[in-house]
Amino acid sequence: MTLNNDISDTAVLAELGKRLSGIRIASSLTQADLAERAAIGKRTVERIEAGESVQLISLIRALRVLGLLENLNLLMPEEGLQPMQLLEEGGKVRRRASPSRAERKRKGTWTWGDER
């Protein structure tokens, strides 16, 4: 299954669990072995593989044991500023996002809401 925006969150979790399970088995690790090496509970490994929700730190630990942690760089690459962006920003790095001017105009002026 290809992961994309058209499938549900539940389906994404199930697919990730299925893939992690396959990699674990190909690495000749039992769920207990993975849990011990990752310092997480065996039940947590079961939950990951079943496509249930787990804490992100547990997934990171499992990925590290399986040698897959570096693949997160593909998921969220480091942000690199392009030369023109550096010139336009005066060497400063943006720290927050703000709505565009068109969006601010569309929203109109702010009110307390008790004017009715």
N, C-alpha and C. Protein backbone atom coordinates (compact mmCIF):
# COMPACT_ATOMS: atom_id res chain seq x y z
N MET A 1 0.85 -1.17 0.00
CA MET A 1 0.00 0.00 0.00
C MET A 1 0.89 1.23 0.00
N THR A 2 0.55 2.18 -0.82
CA THR A 2 1.26 3.45 -0.86
C THR A 2 0.60 4.41 0.11
N LEU A 3 1.41 5.03 0.95
CA LEU A 3 0.88 6.00 1.90
C LEU A 3 0.67 7.33 1.21
N ASN A 4 -0.53 7.88 1.37
CA ASN A 4 -0.84 9.19 0.80
C ASN A 4 -1.94 9.85 1.62
N ASN A 5 -2.31 11.05 1.27
CA ASN A 5 -3.31 11.81 2.02
C ASN A 5 -4.73 11.29 1.88
N ASP A 6 -4.95 10.37 0.95
CA ASP A 6 -6.30 9.86 0.72
C ASP A 6 -6.70 8.73 1.66
N ILE A 7 -5.74 8.16 2.39
CA ILE A 7 -6.09 7.06 3.29
C ILE A 7 -6.19 7.57 4.72
N SER A 8 -6.91 6.84 5.54
CA SER A 8 -7.17 7.28 6.91
C SER A 8 -5.94 7.14 7.79
N ASP A 9 -5.97 7.84 8.91
CA ASP A 9 -4.87 7.74 9.88
C ASP A 9 -4.73 6.30 10.38
N THR A 10 -5.85 5.65 10.59
CA THR A 10 -5.84 4.26 11.06
C THR A 10 -5.15 3.35 10.04
N ALA A 11 -5.44 3.58 8.76
CA ALA A 11 -4.81 2.77 7.71
C ALA A 11 -3.30 3.04 7.64
N VAL A 12 -2.90 4.28 7.87
CA VAL A 12 -1.47 4.61 7.88
C VAL A 12 -0.78 3.88 9.02
N LEU A 13 -1.37 3.94 10.22
CA LEU A 13 -0.79 3.25 11.38
C LEU A 13 -0.69 1.75 11.13
N ALA A 14 -1.73 1.18 10.54
CA ALA A 14 -1.72 -0.26 10.26
C ALA A 14 -0.61 -0.61 9.27
N GLU A 15 -0.45 0.20 8.25
CA GLU A 15 0.60 -0.07 7.25
C GLU A 15 1.99 0.09 7.86
N LEU A 16 2.19 1.12 8.67
CA LEU A 16 3.49 1.30 9.33
C LEU A 16 3.80 0.12 10.25
N GLY A 17 2.80 -0.35 10.97
CA GLY A 17 2.99 -1.50 11.84
C GLY A 17 3.34 -2.75 11.06
N LYS A 18 2.67 -2.94 9.95
CA LYS A 18 2.94 -4.09 9.08
C LYS A 18 4.37 -4.04 8.55
N ARG A 19 4.80 -2.87 8.12
CA ARG A 19 6.15 -2.72 7.59
C ARG A 19 7.19 -2.95 8.68
N LEU A 20 6.96 -2.38 9.86
CA LEU A 20 7.90 -2.55 10.95
C LEU A 20 8.00 -4.02 11.35
N SER A 21 6.87 -4.69 11.37
CA SER A 21 6.85 -6.13 11.69
C SER A 21 7.68 -6.92 10.68
N GLY A 22 7.51 -6.63 9.40
CA GLY A 22 8.27 -7.32 8.37
C GLY A 22 9.76 -7.10 8.50
N ILE A 23 10.15 -5.88 8.82
CA ILE A 23 11.58 -5.56 8.98
C ILE A 23 12.13 -6.27 10.22
N ARG A 24 11.34 -6.29 11.29
CA ARG A 24 11.76 -6.98 12.51
C ARG A 24 11.99 -8.45 12.23
N ILE A 25 11.06 -9.09 11.53
CA ILE A 25 11.17 -10.51 11.22
C ILE A 25 12.36 -10.77 10.30
N ALA A 26 12.56 -9.90 9.31
CA ALA A 26 13.70 -10.05 8.40
C ALA A 26 15.02 -9.90 9.16
N SER A 27 15.00 -9.17 10.27
CA SER A 27 16.20 -8.99 11.09
C SER A 27 16.36 -10.11 12.11
N SER A 28 15.48 -11.11 12.04
CA SER A 28 15.51 -12.27 12.94
C SER A 28 15.38 -11.87 14.41
N LEU A 29 14.51 -10.89 14.66
CA LEU A 29 14.25 -10.46 16.03
C LEU A 29 12.82 -10.84 16.42
N THR A 30 12.67 -11.31 17.64
CA THR A 30 11.33 -11.52 18.16
C THR A 30 10.82 -10.19 18.69
N GLN A 31 9.54 -10.13 18.98
CA GLN A 31 9.01 -8.91 19.58
C GLN A 31 9.68 -8.63 20.92
N ALA A 32 9.95 -9.70 21.67
CA ALA A 32 10.61 -9.53 22.97
C ALA A 32 12.03 -9.02 22.80
N ASP A 33 12.75 -9.53 21.78
CA ASP A 33 14.12 -9.05 21.53
C ASP A 33 14.11 -7.56 21.19
N LEU A 34 13.22 -7.16 20.28
CA LEU A 34 13.13 -5.76 19.89
C LEU A 34 12.79 -4.89 21.09
N ALA A 35 11.83 -5.34 21.88
CA ALA A 35 11.41 -4.57 23.06
C ALA A 35 12.58 -4.40 24.03
N GLU A 36 13.33 -5.46 24.27
CA GLU A 36 14.45 -5.39 25.21
C GLU A 36 15.54 -4.45 24.69
N ARG A 37 15.90 -4.58 23.42
CA ARG A 37 16.96 -3.75 22.85
C ARG A 37 16.54 -2.29 22.76
N ALA A 38 15.25 -2.04 22.56
CA ALA A 38 14.75 -0.67 22.44
C ALA A 38 14.36 -0.06 23.78
N ALA A 39 14.44 -0.86 24.84
CA ALA A 39 14.05 -0.40 26.19
C ALA A 39 12.59 0.05 26.22
N ILE A 40 11.74 -0.72 25.56
CA ILE A 40 10.29 -0.50 25.60
C ILE A 40 9.63 -1.82 25.96
N GLY A 41 8.37 -1.78 26.28
CA GLY A 41 7.67 -3.00 26.65
C GLY A 41 7.30 -3.84 25.43
N LYS A 42 7.22 -5.15 25.65
CA LYS A 42 6.81 -6.03 24.55
C LYS A 42 5.42 -5.66 24.07
N ARG A 43 4.56 -5.27 24.98
CA ARG A 43 3.21 -4.85 24.62
C ARG A 43 3.25 -3.63 23.71
N THR A 44 4.21 -2.76 23.91
CA THR A 44 4.35 -1.58 23.06
C THR A 44 4.71 -2.00 21.64
N VAL A 45 5.61 -2.97 21.50
CA VAL A 45 5.96 -3.48 20.17
C VAL A 45 4.71 -4.10 19.53
N GLU A 46 3.95 -4.84 20.30
CA GLU A 46 2.71 -5.43 19.79
C GLU A 46 1.75 -4.34 19.30
N ARG A 47 1.65 -3.26 20.07
CA ARG A 47 0.76 -2.16 19.69
C ARG A 47 1.22 -1.48 18.41
N ILE A 48 2.53 -1.26 18.28
CA ILE A 48 3.06 -0.65 17.05
C ILE A 48 2.71 -1.52 15.85
N GLU A 49 2.99 -2.81 15.96
CA GLU A 49 2.76 -3.72 14.84
C GLU A 49 1.29 -3.92 14.53
N ALA A 50 0.44 -3.69 15.52
CA ALA A 50 -1.00 -3.83 15.31
C ALA A 50 -1.61 -2.54 14.75
N GLY A 51 -0.79 -1.51 14.61
CA GLY A 51 -1.29 -0.25 14.07
C GLY A 51 -2.01 0.59 15.10
N GLU A 52 -1.71 0.38 16.35
CA GLU A 52 -2.31 1.16 17.41
C GLU A 52 -1.43 2.37 17.73
N SER A 53 -2.00 3.32 18.41
CA SER A 53 -1.28 4.54 18.75
C SER A 53 -0.27 4.27 19.87
N VAL A 54 0.94 4.79 19.69
CA VAL A 54 1.99 4.67 20.71
C VAL A 54 2.69 6.02 20.82
N GLN A 55 3.49 6.17 21.87
CA GLN A 55 4.26 7.39 22.02
C GLN A 55 5.35 7.42 20.96
N LEU A 56 5.63 8.60 20.47
CA LEU A 56 6.63 8.78 19.43
C LEU A 56 8.00 8.28 19.88
N ILE A 57 8.36 8.48 21.14
CA ILE A 57 9.66 8.04 21.64
C ILE A 57 9.80 6.52 21.52
N SER A 58 8.72 5.80 21.70
CA SER A 58 8.76 4.34 21.56
C SER A 58 9.05 3.94 20.13
N LEU A 59 8.42 4.61 19.18
CA LEU A 59 8.67 4.33 17.77
C LEU A 59 10.11 4.68 17.41
N ILE A 60 10.60 5.80 17.91
CA ILE A 60 11.99 6.20 17.64
C ILE A 60 12.96 5.15 18.15
N ARG A 61 12.72 4.64 19.34
CA ARG A 61 13.60 3.62 19.91
C ARG A 61 13.57 2.34 19.08
N ALA A 62 12.40 1.94 18.62
CA ALA A 62 12.29 0.74 17.79
C ALA A 62 13.00 0.95 16.45
N LEU A 63 12.81 2.12 15.84
CA LEU A 63 13.47 2.42 14.57
C LEU A 63 14.99 2.41 14.73
N ARG A 64 15.49 2.92 15.86
CA ARG A 64 16.93 2.95 16.11
C ARG A 64 17.49 1.52 16.15
N VAL A 65 16.82 0.64 16.85
CA VAL A 65 17.27 -0.75 16.96
C VAL A 65 17.28 -1.42 15.59
N LEU A 66 16.29 -1.12 14.77
CA LEU A 66 16.19 -1.74 13.45
C LEU A 66 17.07 -1.06 12.41
N GLY A 67 17.79 -0.01 12.81
CA GLY A 67 18.67 0.70 11.89
C GLY A 67 17.93 1.58 10.90
N LEU A 68 16.74 2.03 11.28
CA LEU A 68 15.90 2.82 10.39
C LEU A 68 15.76 4.28 10.80
N LEU A 69 16.41 4.68 11.87
CA LEU A 69 16.22 6.03 12.38
C LEU A 69 16.64 7.09 11.37
N GLU A 70 17.70 6.82 10.62
CA GLU A 70 18.16 7.78 9.62
C GLU A 70 17.12 8.04 8.53
N ASN A 71 16.19 7.11 8.34
CA ASN A 71 15.15 7.30 7.33
C ASN A 71 14.21 8.45 7.67
N LEU A 72 14.20 8.89 8.93
CA LEU A 72 13.37 10.03 9.30
C LEU A 72 13.86 11.31 8.61
N ASN A 73 15.12 11.31 8.16
CA ASN A 73 15.63 12.46 7.41
C ASN A 73 14.87 12.62 6.10
N LEU A 74 14.40 11.53 5.53
CA LEU A 74 13.60 11.60 4.31
C LEU A 74 12.21 12.17 4.60
N LEU A 75 11.71 11.84 5.77
CA LEU A 75 10.39 12.31 6.17
C LEU A 75 10.39 13.81 6.45
N MET A 76 11.40 14.27 7.15
CA MET A 76 11.48 15.68 7.53
C MET A 76 12.90 16.16 7.32
N PRO A 77 13.26 16.52 6.09
CA PRO A 77 14.63 16.98 5.83
C PRO A 77 14.92 18.29 6.54
N GLU A 78 16.21 18.50 6.81
CA GLU A 78 16.61 19.76 7.43
C GLU A 78 16.26 20.91 6.49
N GLU A 79 15.84 22.01 7.09
CA GLU A 79 15.49 23.17 6.28
C GLU A 79 16.76 23.93 5.94
N GLY A 80 17.00 24.09 4.66
CA GLY A 80 18.16 24.85 4.22
C GLY A 80 17.69 26.11 3.51
N LEU A 81 18.21 27.23 3.92
CA LEU A 81 17.82 28.47 3.29
C LEU A 81 18.57 28.63 1.98
N GLN A 82 17.86 29.10 0.99
CA GLN A 82 18.47 29.37 -0.30
C GLN A 82 19.13 30.74 -0.25
N PRO A 83 20.15 30.98 -1.07
CA PRO A 83 20.88 32.26 -1.03
C PRO A 83 19.98 33.49 -1.12
N MET A 84 18.97 33.46 -1.99
CA MET A 84 18.08 34.62 -2.12
C MET A 84 17.27 34.85 -0.85
N GLN A 85 16.87 33.76 -0.20
CA GLN A 85 16.14 33.91 1.06
C GLN A 85 17.02 34.56 2.11
N LEU A 86 18.29 34.18 2.16
CA LEU A 86 19.21 34.79 3.12
C LEU A 86 19.35 36.28 2.87
N LEU A 87 19.45 36.67 1.60
CA LEU A 87 19.57 38.08 1.27
C LEU A 87 18.31 38.85 1.65
N GLU A 88 17.16 38.29 1.33
CA GLU A 88 15.89 38.96 1.61
C GLU A 88 15.64 39.10 3.10
N GLU A 89 16.05 38.10 3.87
CA GLU A 89 15.81 38.12 5.31
C GLU A 89 16.94 38.81 6.07
N GLY A 90 17.97 39.25 5.37
CA GLY A 90 19.08 39.92 6.04
C GLY A 90 19.88 38.98 6.92
N GLY A 91 19.92 37.71 6.56
CA GLY A 91 20.66 36.72 7.33
C GLY A 91 19.89 36.14 8.50
N LYS A 92 18.67 36.62 8.72
CA LYS A 92 17.86 36.13 9.84
C LYS A 92 17.06 34.90 9.41
N VAL A 93 16.83 34.01 10.35
CA VAL A 93 16.04 32.82 10.09
C VAL A 93 14.64 33.04 10.65
N ARG A 94 13.62 32.71 9.85
CA ARG A 94 12.23 32.86 10.33
C ARG A 94 11.98 31.93 11.50
N ARG A 95 11.31 32.42 12.51
CA ARG A 95 11.01 31.63 13.70
C ARG A 95 9.53 31.33 13.85
N ARG A 96 8.70 32.03 13.07
CA ARG A 96 7.25 31.77 13.13
C ARG A 96 6.61 32.16 11.81
N ALA A 97 5.43 31.65 11.61
CA ALA A 97 4.68 31.94 10.39
C ALA A 97 3.59 32.95 10.71
N SER A 98 3.25 33.73 9.73
CA SER A 98 2.15 34.68 9.90
C SER A 98 1.26 34.59 8.67
N PRO A 99 -0.02 34.94 8.82
CA PRO A 99 -0.92 34.87 7.67
C PRO A 99 -0.55 35.90 6.61
N SER A 100 -0.90 35.60 5.38
CA SER A 100 -0.61 36.53 4.29
C SER A 100 -1.49 37.77 4.44
N ARG A 101 -1.14 38.83 3.73
CA ARG A 101 -1.94 40.05 3.79
C ARG A 101 -3.36 39.81 3.30
N ALA A 102 -3.49 39.02 2.24
CA ALA A 102 -4.81 38.72 1.69
C ALA A 102 -5.67 37.99 2.72
N GLU A 103 -5.05 37.08 3.46
CA GLU A 103 -5.79 36.33 4.47
C GLU A 103 -6.21 37.25 5.62
N ARG A 104 -5.33 38.18 6.01
CA ARG A 104 -5.67 39.11 7.08
C ARG A 104 -6.82 40.02 6.67
N LYS A 105 -6.82 40.48 5.41
CA LYS A 105 -7.91 41.32 4.93
C LYS A 105 -9.22 40.56 4.89
N ARG A 106 -9.16 39.28 4.49
CA ARG A 106 -10.36 38.46 4.39
C ARG A 106 -10.99 38.25 5.76
N LYS A 107 -10.18 38.13 6.77
CA LYS A 107 -10.71 37.93 8.12
C LYS A 107 -11.34 39.18 8.69
N GLY A 108 -10.91 40.33 8.20
CA GLY A 108 -11.48 41.59 8.68
C GLY A 108 -10.85 42.01 9.99
N THR A 109 -11.50 42.94 10.65
CA THR A 109 -10.97 43.45 11.90
C THR A 109 -11.43 42.58 13.05
N TRP A 110 -10.63 42.55 14.05
CA TRP A 110 -10.91 41.74 15.23
C TRP A 110 -11.89 42.45 16.15
N THR A 111 -12.84 41.70 16.71
CA THR A 111 -13.79 42.27 17.67
C THR A 111 -13.94 41.32 18.85
N TRP A 112 -14.47 41.83 19.93
CA TRP A 112 -14.69 41.00 21.11
C TRP A 112 -15.81 39.99 20.90
N GLY A 113 -16.75 40.30 20.04
CA GLY A 113 -17.85 39.39 19.79
C GLY A 113 -19.12 39.71 20.59
N ASP A 114 -19.07 40.72 21.45
CA ASP A 114 -20.24 41.06 22.26
C ASP A 114 -20.94 42.32 21.74
N GLU A 115 -20.70 42.68 20.49
CA GLU A 115 -21.27 43.88 19.90
C GLU A 115 -22.72 43.70 19.49
N ARG A 116 -23.24 42.53 19.53
CA ARG A 116 -24.61 42.25 19.05
C ARG A 116 -25.65 42.84 19.91
